[in-house]
C-alpha atoms as a PDB file:
ATOM      1  CA  MET A   1      -8.853  23.860  50.389  1.00  0.00           C
ATOM      2  CA  THR A   2     -10.689  25.125  47.328  1.00  0.00           C
ATOM      3  CA  ALA A   3     -12.390  22.843  44.890  1.00  0.00           C
ATOM      4  CA  SER A   4     -10.703  22.428  41.531  1.00  0.00           C
ATOM      5  CA  ALA A   5     -12.080  24.653  38.819  1.00  0.00           C
ATOM      6  CA  SER A   6     -14.431  23.001  36.348  1.00  0.00           C
ATOM      7  CA  PRO A   7     -13.107  22.647  32.777  1.00  0.00           C
ATOM      8  CA  PRO A   8     -14.132  25.442  30.399  1.00  0.00           C
ATOM      9  CA  PRO A   9     -17.025  24.750  28.039  1.00  0.00           C
ATOM     10  CA  LEU A  10     -16.003  22.898  24.884  1.00  0.00           C
ATOM     11  CA  LEU A  11     -16.339  25.326  21.984  1.00  0.00           C
ATOM     12  CA  TYR A  12     -14.117  23.394  19.550  1.00  0.00           C
ATOM     13  CA  PRO A  13     -13.566  19.646  19.282  1.00  0.00           C
ATOM     14  CA  PRO A  14     -10.308  18.103  20.532  1.00  0.00           C
ATOM     15  CA  ASP A  15      -7.621  17.562  17.898  1.00  0.00           C
ATOM     16  CA  GLN A  16      -8.313  13.832  17.815  1.00  0.00           C
ATOM     17  CA  LEU A  17     -11.851  14.537  16.559  1.00  0.00           C
ATOM     18  CA  LEU A  18     -10.812  16.899  13.785  1.00  0.00           C
ATOM     19  CA  ASP A  19      -9.589  14.307  11.256  1.00  0.00           C
ATOM     20  CA  ARG A  20     -12.357  15.088   8.774  1.00  0.00           C
ATOM     21  CA  ARG A  21     -12.223  14.434   5.044  1.00  0.00           C
ATOM     22  CA  ARG A  22      -9.035  16.288   4.247  1.00  0.00           C
ATOM     23  CA  PRO A  23      -7.899  16.179   0.595  1.00  0.00           C
ATOM     24  CA  LEU A  24      -5.373  13.567  -0.401  1.00  0.00           C
ATOM     25  CA  SER A  25      -1.921  15.164  -0.308  1.00  0.00           C
ATOM     26  CA  ARG A  26       1.549  14.206  -1.456  1.00  0.00           C
ATOM     27  CA  ARG A  27       2.509  13.511   2.154  1.00  0.00           C
ATOM     28  CA  ARG A  28      -0.303  10.973   2.625  1.00  0.00           C
ATOM     29  CA  PHE A  29      -0.265   9.567  -0.889  1.00  0.00           C
ATOM     30  CA  PRO A  30       2.406   6.831  -0.413  1.00  0.00           C
ATOM     31  CA  THR A  31      -0.098   4.741   1.586  1.00  0.00           C
ATOM     32  CA  LEU A  32      -2.535   4.616  -1.320  1.00  0.00           C
ATOM     33  CA  GLY A  33       0.359   4.157  -3.732  1.00  0.00           C
ATOM     34  CA  ARG A  34       1.505   1.081  -1.819  1.00  0.00           C
ATOM     35  CA  LEU A  35      -1.977  -0.433  -2.100  1.00  0.00           C
ATOM     36  CA  ARG A  36      -1.978   0.192  -5.848  1.00  0.00           C
ATOM     37  CA  TRP A  37       1.494  -1.256  -6.271  1.00  0.00           C
ATOM     38  CA  HIS A  38       0.851  -4.516  -4.409  1.00  0.00           C
ATOM     39  CA  CYS A  39      -2.852  -5.145  -5.174  1.00  0.00           C
ATOM     40  CA  PRO A  40      -4.105  -5.510  -8.780  1.00  0.00           C
ATOM     41  CA  LYS A  41      -7.680  -4.897  -7.598  1.00  0.00           C
ATOM     42  CA  LEU A  42      -9.187  -3.794  -4.292  1.00  0.00           C
ATOM     43  CA  ASN A  43     -12.344  -4.746  -2.444  1.00  0.00           C
ATOM     44  CA  HIS A  44     -14.117  -2.653   0.185  1.00  0.00           C
ATOM     45  CA  VAL A  45     -15.145  -4.954   3.027  1.00  0.00           C
ATOM     46  CA  VAL A  46     -17.264  -3.994   6.061  1.00  0.00           C
ATOM     47  CA  ILE A  47     -17.062  -6.153   9.197  1.00  0.00           C
ATOM     48  CA  PRO A  48     -19.355  -5.429  12.201  1.00  0.00           C
ATOM     49  CA  LEU A  49     -17.727  -6.210  15.548  1.00  0.00           C
ATOM     50  CA  THR A  50     -19.479  -7.785  18.535  1.00  0.00           C
ATOM     51  CA  GLY A  51     -18.297  -9.058  21.895  1.00  0.00           C
ATOM     52  CA  THR A  52     -15.626  -6.370  22.422  1.00  0.00           C
ATOM     53  CA  VAL A  53     -14.874  -5.073  25.919  1.00  0.00           C
ATOM     54  CA  ASN A  54     -16.961  -1.982  25.078  1.00  0.00           C
ATOM     55  CA  ASP A  55     -18.032   0.059  22.041  1.00  0.00           C
ATOM     56  CA  ASN A  56     -15.424   2.832  22.399  1.00  0.00           C
ATOM     57  CA  PRO A  57     -13.153   3.045  19.311  1.00  0.00           C
ATOM     58  CA  TYR A  58     -10.629   5.130  21.301  1.00  0.00           C
ATOM     59  CA  ASP A  59     -10.196   2.468  24.008  1.00  0.00           C
ATOM     60  CA  PRO A  60      -6.819   0.766  23.390  1.00  0.00           C
ATOM     61  CA  ARG A  61      -8.269  -2.565  24.515  1.00  0.00           C
ATOM     62  CA  VAL A  62     -10.929  -2.342  21.805  1.00  0.00           C
ATOM     63  CA  VAL A  63      -8.314  -1.412  19.200  1.00  0.00           C
ATOM     64  CA  ASP A  64      -6.196  -4.413  20.190  1.00  0.00           C
ATOM     65  CA  GLU A  65      -9.207  -6.729  19.844  1.00  0.00           C
ATOM     66  CA  ALA A  66     -10.068  -5.234  16.453  1.00  0.00           C
ATOM     67  CA  ARG A  67      -6.494  -5.730  15.244  1.00  0.00           C
ATOM     68  CA  ALA A  68      -6.585  -9.358  16.362  1.00  0.00           C
ATOM     69  CA  VAL A  69      -9.866  -9.964  14.504  1.00  0.00           C
ATOM     70  CA  ALA A  70      -8.417  -8.365  11.363  1.00  0.00           C
ATOM     71  CA  ARG A  71      -5.305 -10.560  11.595  1.00  0.00           C
ATOM     72  CA  ARG A  72      -7.448 -13.689  11.862  1.00  0.00           C
ATOM     73  CA  LEU A  73      -9.500 -12.736   8.815  1.00  0.00           C
ATOM     74  CA  LEU A  74      -6.737 -11.387   6.581  1.00  0.00           C
ATOM     75  CA  GLY A  75      -3.830 -13.695   7.292  1.00  0.00           C
ATOM     76  CA  SER A  76      -1.012 -12.563   5.005  1.00  0.00           C
ATOM     77  CA  TRP A  77      -3.155 -10.566   2.546  1.00  0.00           C
ATOM     78  CA  PRO A  78      -2.267  -6.842   2.390  1.00  0.00           C
ATOM     79  CA  ALA A  79      -4.926  -4.354   3.452  1.00  0.00           C
ATOM     80  CA  LEU A  80      -5.685  -0.955   4.932  1.00  0.00           C
ATOM     81  CA  VAL A  81      -7.904  -1.303   8.022  1.00  0.00           C
ATOM     82  CA  LYS A  82     -10.045   1.371   9.719  1.00  0.00           C
ATOM     83  CA  LEU A  83     -11.910   0.936  13.023  1.00  0.00           C
ATOM     84  CA  GLU A  84     -15.059   3.040  13.325  1.00  0.00           C
ATOM     85  CA  ARG A  85     -18.169   3.503  15.429  1.00  0.00           C
ATOM     86  CA  GLY A  86     -21.460   4.813  14.065  1.00  0.00           C
ATOM     87  CA  GLN A  87     -23.487   7.760  15.369  1.00  0.00           C
ATOM     88  CA  ARG A  88     -26.010   5.604  17.212  1.00  0.00           C
ATOM     89  CA  LEU A  89     -26.551   6.576  20.855  1.00  0.00           C
ATOM     90  CA  SER A  90     -27.325   3.027  21.983  1.00  0.00           C
ATOM     91  CA  PRO A  91     -24.429   0.614  22.636  1.00  0.00           C
ATOM     92  CA  GLY A  92     -22.805  -1.062  19.662  1.00  0.00           C
ATOM     93  CA  GLY A  93     -22.044   0.190  16.185  1.00  0.00           C
ATOM     94  CA  LEU A  94     -18.378  -0.851  16.043  1.00  0.00           C
ATOM     95  CA  HIS A  95     -17.181  -2.036  12.643  1.00  0.00           C
ATOM     96  CA  LEU A  96     -14.091  -2.402  10.495  1.00  0.00           C
ATOM     97  CA  HIS A  97     -13.572  -1.029   6.990  1.00  0.00           C
ATOM     98  CA  LEU A  98     -11.022  -2.864   4.838  1.00  0.00           C
ATOM     99  CA  MET A  99      -9.381  -1.852   1.577  1.00  0.00           C
ATOM    100  CA  VAL A 100      -8.050  -5.306   0.787  1.00  0.00           C
ATOM    101  CA  ASP A 101      -6.569  -7.198  -2.130  1.00  0.00           C
ATOM    102  CA  ALA A 102      -9.495  -8.579  -4.138  1.00  0.00           C
ATOM    103  CA  ARG A 103      -7.781 -11.984  -4.254  1.00  0.00           C
ATOM    104  CA  ALA A 104      -8.139 -12.429  -0.481  1.00  0.00           C
ATOM    105  CA  PRO A 105     -10.488 -15.363   0.315  1.00  0.00           C
ATOM    106  CA  LEU A 106     -13.148 -13.276   2.086  1.00  0.00           C
ATOM    107  CA  HIS A 107     -16.861 -13.831   1.526  1.00  0.00           C
ATOM    108  CA  ILE A 108     -20.106 -12.850   3.219  1.00  0.00           C
ATOM    109  CA  GLY A 109     -20.203 -14.632   6.561  1.00  0.00           C
ATOM    110  CA  SER A 110     -16.442 -15.089   6.988  1.00  0.00           C
ATOM    111  CA  ALA A 111     -15.685 -14.665  10.690  1.00  0.00           C
ATOM    112  CA  GLY A 112     -12.671 -13.908  12.845  1.00  0.00           C
ATOM    113  CA  THR A 113     -12.591 -14.147  16.647  1.00  0.00           C
ATOM    114  CA  SER A 114     -10.277 -12.980  19.410  1.00  0.00           C
ATOM    115  CA  ASN A 115     -10.904 -13.238  23.175  1.00  0.00           C
ATOM    116  CA  GLY A 116     -14.671 -13.019  22.779  1.00  0.00           C
ATOM    117  CA  ALA A 117     -14.638 -10.360  20.057  1.00  0.00           C
ATOM    118  CA  VAL A 118     -16.206 -11.535  16.800  1.00  0.00           C
ATOM    119  CA  GLY A 119     -16.047  -9.924  13.381  1.00  0.00           C
ATOM    120  CA  ARG A 120     -18.213 -11.255  10.565  1.00  0.00           C
ATOM    121  CA  VAL A 121     -18.046 -10.018   6.963  1.00  0.00           C
ATOM    122  CA  ALA A 122     -21.293  -8.251   6.105  1.00  0.00           C
ATOM    123  CA  HIS A 123     -20.458  -6.341   2.900  1.00  0.00           C
ATOM    124  CA  ILE A 124     -18.031  -6.775  -0.003  1.00  0.00           C
ATOM    125  CA  GLN A 125     -17.842  -4.433  -2.984  1.00  0.00           C
ATOM    126  CA  ALA A 126     -15.259  -3.845  -5.691  1.00  0.00           C
ATOM    127  CA  VAL A 127     -13.415  -0.531  -5.384  1.00  0.00           C
ATOM    128  CA  TYR A 128     -13.599   1.666  -8.486  1.00  0.00           C
ATOM    129  CA  ASP A 129     -12.591   4.955  -6.834  1.00  0.00           C
ATOM    130  CA  ASP A 130      -9.793   4.233  -4.378  1.00  0.00           C
ATOM    131  CA  ASP A 131      -9.073   7.974  -3.972  1.00  0.00           C
ATOM    132  CA  GLY A 132     -12.621   8.649  -2.822  1.00  0.00           C
ATOM    133  CA  LEU A 133     -12.753   5.637  -0.504  1.00  0.00           C
ATOM    134  CA  PHE A 134      -9.398   6.555   1.025  1.00  0.00           C
ATOM    135  CA  ARG A 135     -10.653  10.082   1.767  1.00  0.00           C
ATOM    136  CA  TYR A 136     -13.872   8.641   3.181  1.00  0.00           C
ATOM    137  CA  LEU A 137     -11.877   6.472   5.606  1.00  0.00           C
ATOM    138  CA  SER A 138      -9.989   9.568   6.788  1.00  0.00           C
ATOM    139  CA  LYS A 139     -13.022  10.706   8.782  1.00  0.00           C
ATOM    140  CA  PRO A 140     -12.975  10.399  12.599  1.00  0.00           C
ATOM    141  CA  ALA A 141     -13.106   6.946  14.146  1.00  0.00           C
ATOM    142  CA  HIS A 142     -16.245   8.038  16.001  1.00  0.00           C
ATOM    143  CA  ALA A 143     -18.926   9.139  13.536  1.00  0.00           C
ATOM    144  CA  GLY A 144     -20.507  11.290  16.248  1.00  0.00           C
ATOM    145  CA  ALA A 145     -17.640  13.757  15.805  1.00  0.00           C
ATOM    146  CA  MET A 146     -19.100  14.672  12.406  1.00  0.00           C
ATOM    147  CA  ALA A 147     -22.129  16.178  14.208  1.00  0.00           C
ATOM    148  CA  PHE A 148     -20.031  19.000  15.716  1.00  0.00           C
ATOM    149  CA  ARG A 149     -21.642  22.453  15.549  1.00  0.00           C
ATOM    150  CA  PRO A 150     -19.114  25.332  15.681  1.00  0.00           C
ATOM    151  CA  GLY A 151     -19.475  27.872  18.470  1.00  0.00           C
ATOM    152  CA  ARG A 152     -21.713  25.813  20.738  1.00  0.00           C
ATOM    153  CA  PRO A 153     -20.619  24.769  24.243  1.00  0.00           C
ATOM    154  CA  LEU A 154     -20.512  21.051  24.912  1.00  0.00           C
ATOM    155  CA  HIS A 155     -23.937  20.898  26.597  1.00  0.00           C
ATOM    156  CA  ALA A 156     -25.526  22.457  23.506  1.00  0.00           C
ATOM    157  CA  GLN A 157     -23.810  20.161  21.013  1.00  0.00           C
ATOM    158  CA  PRO A 158     -25.773  17.285  19.426  1.00  0.00           C
ATOM    159  CA  ALA A 159     -25.954  14.174  21.591  1.00  0.00           C
ATOM    160  CA  ALA A 160     -23.867  12.170  19.095  1.00  0.00           C
ATOM    161  CA  PHE A 161     -20.973  14.620  19.433  1.00  0.00           C
ATOM    162  CA  ARG A 162     -21.191  14.667  23.248  1.00  0.00           C
ATOM    163  CA  LEU A 163     -20.979  10.870  23.200  1.00  0.00           C
ATOM    164  CA  ALA A 164     -17.892  11.065  20.947  1.00  0.00           C
ATOM    165  CA  VAL A 165     -16.197  13.424  23.430  1.00  0.00           C
ATOM    166  CA  GLN A 166     -17.137  11.137  26.314  1.00  0.00           C
ATOM    167  CA  HIS A 167     -15.612   8.149  24.513  1.00  0.00           C
ATOM    168  CA  LEU A 168     -12.498  10.139  23.645  1.00  0.00           C
ATOM    169  CA  ARG A 169     -11.902  11.118  27.282  1.00  0.00           C
ATOM    170  CA  ALA A 170     -12.551   7.560  28.441  1.00  0.00           C
ATOM    171  CA  GLY A 171     -10.023   6.297  25.874  1.00  0.00           C
ATOM    172  CA  GLN A 172      -7.433   8.813  27.070  1.00  0.00           C
ATOM    173  CA  ALA A 173      -8.010   7.706  30.659  1.00  0.00           C
ATOM    174  CA  GLN A 174      -7.512   4.047  29.687  1.00  0.00           C
ATOM    175  CA  CYS A 175      -4.286   4.983  27.903  1.00  0.00           C
ATOM    176  CA  ARG A 176      -2.994   6.610  31.097  1.00  0.00           C
ATOM    177  CA  ILE A 177      -3.882   3.462  33.055  1.00  0.00           C
ATOM    178  CA  GLN A 178      -1.909   1.328  30.592  1.00  0.00           C
ATOM    179  CA  GLY A 179       0.990   3.773  30.509  1.00  0.00           C
ATOM    180  CA  ARG A 180       0.513   4.661  26.853  1.00  0.00           C
ATOM    181  CA  ALA A 181       1.661   8.076  25.697  1.00  0.00           C
ATOM    182  CA  LYS A 182      -1.099   8.535  23.117  1.00  0.00           C
ATOM    183  CA  LEU A 183      -4.221   6.966  21.674  1.00  0.00           C
ATOM    184  CA  ALA A 184      -3.906   3.803  19.635  1.00  0.00           C
ATOM    185  CA  ARG A 185      -4.210   4.199  15.878  1.00  0.00           C
ATOM    186  CA  THR A 186      -7.643   3.427  14.481  1.00  0.00           C
ATOM    187  CA  LEU A 187      -6.343   3.291  10.887  1.00  0.00           C
ATOM    188  CA  TRP A 188      -3.460   0.939  10.173  1.00  0.00           C
ATOM    189  CA  LEU A 189      -1.785  -1.104   7.465  1.00  0.00           C
ATOM    190  CA  HIS A 190      -1.776  -4.893   7.515  1.00  0.00           C
ATOM    191  CA  ARG A 191       1.080  -6.757   5.786  1.00  0.00           C
ATOM    192  CA  LEU A 192       1.490  -4.016   3.185  1.00  0.00           C
ATOM    193  CA  GLY A 193       5.021  -3.807   1.810  1.00  0.00           C
ATOM    194  CA  ARG A 194       6.723  -0.529   0.992  1.00  0.00           C
ATOM    195  CA  LEU A 195       7.298   0.858  -2.465  1.00  0.00           C
ATOM    196  CA  PRO A 196      10.710   0.011  -3.975  1.00  0.00           C
ATOM    197  CA  GLY A 197      13.308   2.637  -3.199  1.00  0.00           C
ATOM    198  CA  TRP A 198      14.008   3.221  -6.906  1.00  0.00           C
ATOM    199  CA  LEU A 199      10.359   3.953  -7.757  1.00  0.00           C
ATOM    200  CA  PRO A 200       9.051   7.574  -7.673  1.00  0.00           C
ATOM    201  CA  THR A 201       5.528   7.618  -6.224  1.00  0.00           C
ATOM    202  CA  ALA A 202       4.253   9.385  -9.350  1.00  0.00           C
ATOM    203  CA  TYR A 203       4.337   6.028 -11.179  1.00  0.00           C
ATOM    204  CA  VAL A 204       1.475   4.760  -9.040  1.00  0.00           C
ATOM    205  CA  ALA A 205      -0.396   8.082  -8.907  1.00  0.00           C
ATOM    206  CA  ARG A 206      -2.820   7.405 -11.773  1.00  0.00           C
ATOM    207  CA  GLU A 207      -5.208  10.389 -11.765  1.00  0.00           C
ATOM    208  CA  VAL A 208      -4.646  11.991  -8.360  1.00  0.00           C
ATOM    209  CA  PRO A 209      -4.950  15.789  -8.801  1.00  0.00           C
ATOM    210  CA  GLY A 210      -1.694  17.658  -8.401  1.00  0.00           C
ATOM    211  CA  LEU A 211       0.577  14.735  -9.306  1.00  0.00           C
ATOM    212  CA  PRO A 212       2.358  14.352 -12.661  1.00  0.00           C
ATOM    213  CA  SER A 213       0.560  12.874 -15.646  1.00  0.00           C
ATOM    214  CA  PRO A 214       2.105   9.789 -17.343  1.00  0.00           C
ATOM    215  CA  LEU A 215       3.731  12.056 -19.945  1.00  0.00           C
ATOM    216  CA  ASP A 216       5.456  14.202 -17.297  1.00  0.00           C
ATOM    217  CA  LEU A 217       6.770  11.446 -15.048  1.00  0.00           C
ATOM    218  CA  PRO A 218      10.109  11.961 -13.318  1.00  0.00           C
ATOM    219  CA  THR A 219      13.146   9.996 -14.417  1.00  0.00           C
ATOM    220  CA  ILE A 220      13.743   6.652 -12.749  1.00  0.00           C
ATOM    221  CA  THR A 221      17.230   6.519 -11.271  1.00  0.00           C
ATOM    222  CA  LEU A 222      18.587   3.181 -10.061  1.00  0.00           C
ATOM    223  CA  ASP A 223      21.028   3.354  -7.174  1.00  0.00           C
ATOM    224  CA  PRO A 224      24.400   1.584  -7.620  1.00  0.00           C
ATOM    225  CA  ALA A 225      23.386  -1.469  -5.592  1.00  0.00           C
ATOM    226  CA  THR A 226      20.159  -1.990  -7.568  1.00  0.00           C
ATOM    227  CA  TRP A 227      21.936  -1.393 -10.869  1.00  0.00           C
ATOM    228  CA  ALA A 228      24.583  -3.977  -9.978  1.00  0.00           C
ATOM    229  CA  ARG A 229      21.839  -6.572  -9.394  1.00  0.00           C
ATOM    230  CA  VAL A 230      20.088  -6.043 -12.717  1.00  0.00           C
ATOM    231  CA  ALA A 231      23.135  -5.381 -14.935  1.00  0.00           C
ATOM    232  CA  ALA A 232      24.103  -9.065 -14.816  1.00  0.00           C
ATOM    233  CA  HIS A 233      20.883  -9.941 -16.665  1.00  0.00           C
ATOM    234  CA  LEU A 234      21.588  -7.436 -19.461  1.00  0.00           C
ATOM    235  CA  SER A 235      25.098  -8.453 -20.611  1.00  0.00           C
ATOM    236  CA  PRO A 236      24.678 -11.589 -22.751  1.00  0.00           C
ATOM    237  CA  PRO A 237      27.832 -13.211 -24.208  1.00  0.00           C
ATOM    238  CA  SER A 238      28.876 -12.191 -27.698  1.00  0.00           C
ATOM    239  CA  PRO A 239      27.617 -14.358 -30.606  1.00  0.00           C
ATOM    240  CA  GLY A 240      29.917 -17.321 -31.169  1.00  0.00           C
ATOM    241  CA  GLY A 241      31.629 -16.786 -27.827  1.00  0.00           C
ATOM    242  CA  ARG A 242      34.140 -14.372 -29.309  1.00  0.00           C
ATOM    243  CA  GLY A 243      34.911 -10.783 -28.417  1.00  0.00           C
ATOM    244  CA  ARG A 244      34.035  -8.707 -25.396  1.00  0.00           C
ATOM    245  CA  PRO A 245      30.409  -8.867 -24.170  1.00  0.00           C
ATOM    246  CA  ARG A 246      28.473  -5.674 -24.771  1.00  0.00           C
ATOM    247  CA  GLN A 247      28.165  -3.722 -21.553  1.00  0.00           C
ATOM    248  CA  ALA A 248      24.683  -2.953 -20.306  1.00  0.00           C
ATOM    249  CA  SER A 249      23.672   0.695 -20.471  1.00  0.00           C
ATOM    250  CA  LYS A 250      21.948   2.191 -17.436  1.00  0.00           C
ATOM    251  CA  GLN A 251      20.095   5.030 -19.159  1.00  0.00           C
ATOM    252  CA  PRO A 252      18.211   2.869 -21.722  1.00  0.00           C
ATOM    253  CA  LEU A 253      17.135   0.554 -18.908  1.00  0.00           C
ATOM    254  CA  GLU A 254      15.786   3.432 -16.823  1.00  0.00           C
ATOM    255  CA  LEU A 255      13.882   4.810 -19.814  1.00  0.00           C
ATOM    256  CA  ALA A 256      12.475   1.362 -20.603  1.00  0.00           C
ATOM    257  CA  LEU A 257      11.306   1.024 -16.993  1.00  0.00           C
ATOM    258  CA  ALA A 258       9.636   4.437 -17.163  1.00  0.00           C
ATOM    259  CA  ARG A 259       7.768   3.445 -20.308  1.00  0.00           C
ATOM    260  CA  THR A 260       6.761   0.003 -18.982  1.00  0.00           C
ATOM    261  CA  LEU A 261       5.418   1.349 -15.676  1.00  0.00           C
ATOM    262  CA  SER A 262       3.637   4.405 -17.103  1.00  0.00           C
ATOM    263  CA  GLY A 263       2.263   3.026 -20.373  1.00  0.00           C
ATOM    264  CA  ALA A 264       3.409   6.163 -22.212  1.00  0.00           C
ATOM    265  CA  ALA A 265       4.288   5.962 -25.896  1.00  0.00           C
ATOM    266  CA  TRP A 266       7.973   5.415 -26.656  1.00  0.00           C
ATOM    267  CA  ASN A 267       8.242   8.582 -28.732  1.00  0.00           C
ATOM    268  CA  ARG A 268       7.182  10.697 -25.724  1.00  0.00           C
ATOM    269  CA  LEU A 269      10.373   9.716 -23.855  1.00  0.00           C
ATOM    270  CA  PRO A 270      13.704  11.523 -24.348  1.00  0.00           C
ATOM    271  CA  ASN A 271      16.295   9.667 -26.464  1.00  0.00           C
ATOM    272  CA  TYR A 272      13.842   6.842 -26.908  1.00  0.00           C
ATOM    273  CA  ALA A 273      15.376   5.186 -29.996  1.00  0.00           C
ATOM    274  CA  THR A 274      18.211   3.422 -28.176  1.00  0.00           C
ATOM    275  CA  ALA A 275      15.958   2.485 -25.262  1.00  0.00           C
ATOM    276  CA  PHE A 276      13.361   1.023 -27.642  1.00  0.00           C
ATOM    277  CA  ARG A 277      15.966  -1.031 -29.543  1.00  0.00           C
ATOM    278  CA  ARG A 278      17.576  -2.362 -26.357  1.00  0.00           C
ATOM    279  CA  HIS A 279      14.173  -3.177 -24.865  1.00  0.00           C
ATOM    280  CA  GLN A 280      13.259  -5.219 -27.945  1.00  0.00           C
ATOM    281  CA  GLN A 281      16.511  -7.173 -27.653  1.00  0.00           C
ATOM    282  CA  TRP A 282      16.115  -7.759 -23.916  1.00  0.00           C
ATOM    283  CA  ASP A 283      12.495  -8.826 -24.337  1.00  0.00           C
ATOM    284  CA  ALA A 284      13.389 -11.344 -27.069  1.00  0.00           C
ATOM    285  CA  SER A 285      16.210 -12.870 -25.007  1.00  0.00           C
ATOM    286  CA  GLY A 286      14.199 -13.101 -21.765  1.00  0.00           C
ATOM    287  CA  ALA A 287      16.474 -10.625 -19.988  1.00  0.00           C
ATOM    288  CA  TRP A 288      13.668  -8.086 -19.561  1.00  0.00           C
ATOM    289  CA  ALA A 289      11.474 -10.544 -17.665  1.00  0.00           C
ATOM    290  CA  ALA A 290      14.464 -11.361 -15.434  1.00  0.00           C
ATOM    291  CA  VAL A 291      15.000  -7.656 -14.724  1.00  0.00           C
ATOM    292  CA  LEU A 292      11.368  -7.165 -13.710  1.00  0.00           C
ATOM    293  CA  ARG A 293      11.568 -10.173 -11.413  1.00  0.00           C
ATOM    294  CA  GLU A 294      14.785  -8.851  -9.883  1.00  0.00           C
ATOM    295  CA  LEU A 295      13.103  -5.504  -9.211  1.00  0.00           C
ATOM    296  CA  ASN A 296       9.965  -7.199  -7.765  1.00  0.00           C
ATOM    297  CA  VAL A 297       7.613  -5.488 -10.205  1.00  0.00           C
ATOM    298  CA  PRO A 298       4.120  -7.004  -9.794  1.00  0.00           C
ATOM    299  CA  PRO A 299       2.671  -8.358 -13.053  1.00  0.00           C
ATOM    300  CA  HIS A 300      -0.362  -6.016 -12.898  1.00  0.00           C
ATOM    301  CA  ARG A 301       1.977  -2.967 -12.902  1.00  0.00           C
ATOM    302  CA  ILE A 302       3.549  -3.933 -16.244  1.00  0.00           C
ATOM    303  CA  LEU A 303       1.701  -1.843 -18.827  1.00  0.00           C
ATOM    304  CA  LYS A 304       1.840  -2.787 -22.488  1.00  0.00           C
END
């Protein structure tokens, strides 16, 4: 019986270690758009983790403990959470990055615990460049993967990268023990609702390169079910109770929504005169506020 052949030398990192700082794309943008839609302001929070079963960010048991700590700290506040480990060769270095609603009651020293794992808030900073922070959090969960040197076999790679590969293989082995088909996600969303189905993502794009500017936004089109819900707020009875009530018009409403969500000038919209006049009437009667509530538009997304 011959001994099994040894694995070939590692000249390129496994796919799981290749998630470097790729540019923000249309496919990945909805996640950031959802944060912008639901959170008026964001904070970047860093939470070191101690007491976990080990310091391997690819171990599903560690990921489960980190998720539990994040749930204890965040409660119902929406956030994007990333589990990471630093490049240090000694044990430790696990921490969580949060992009969280600035209204969440987190402060330096806030702690969350789960089965011995403890996370304590060590850093809070307002987010002024959510695009840049989102790309930064797209790096590998193990910072040692960033030390990869192309063309070198594994034994000649920096020690931090060899440790990242060791942790990756240990995490894959633990997944096989637990019967999991793949590694647990180290970046996840916590209590973050989806964008409304009627809203094109360009309306929460702000200044992401490659997406439309506010003056080139696509037309908002309400589906029949959504239109039926809001039309009732836009058909007030005729003055004096006589005559047929004026029927709500769908196109002026969609144009008024486009202007309200983008902040563009009225005269930059097509056929804006009717939409402007109807919007003034709806705003004076309170119907416009009722429409925005019906569509679940957050107050911070209403641009004057």
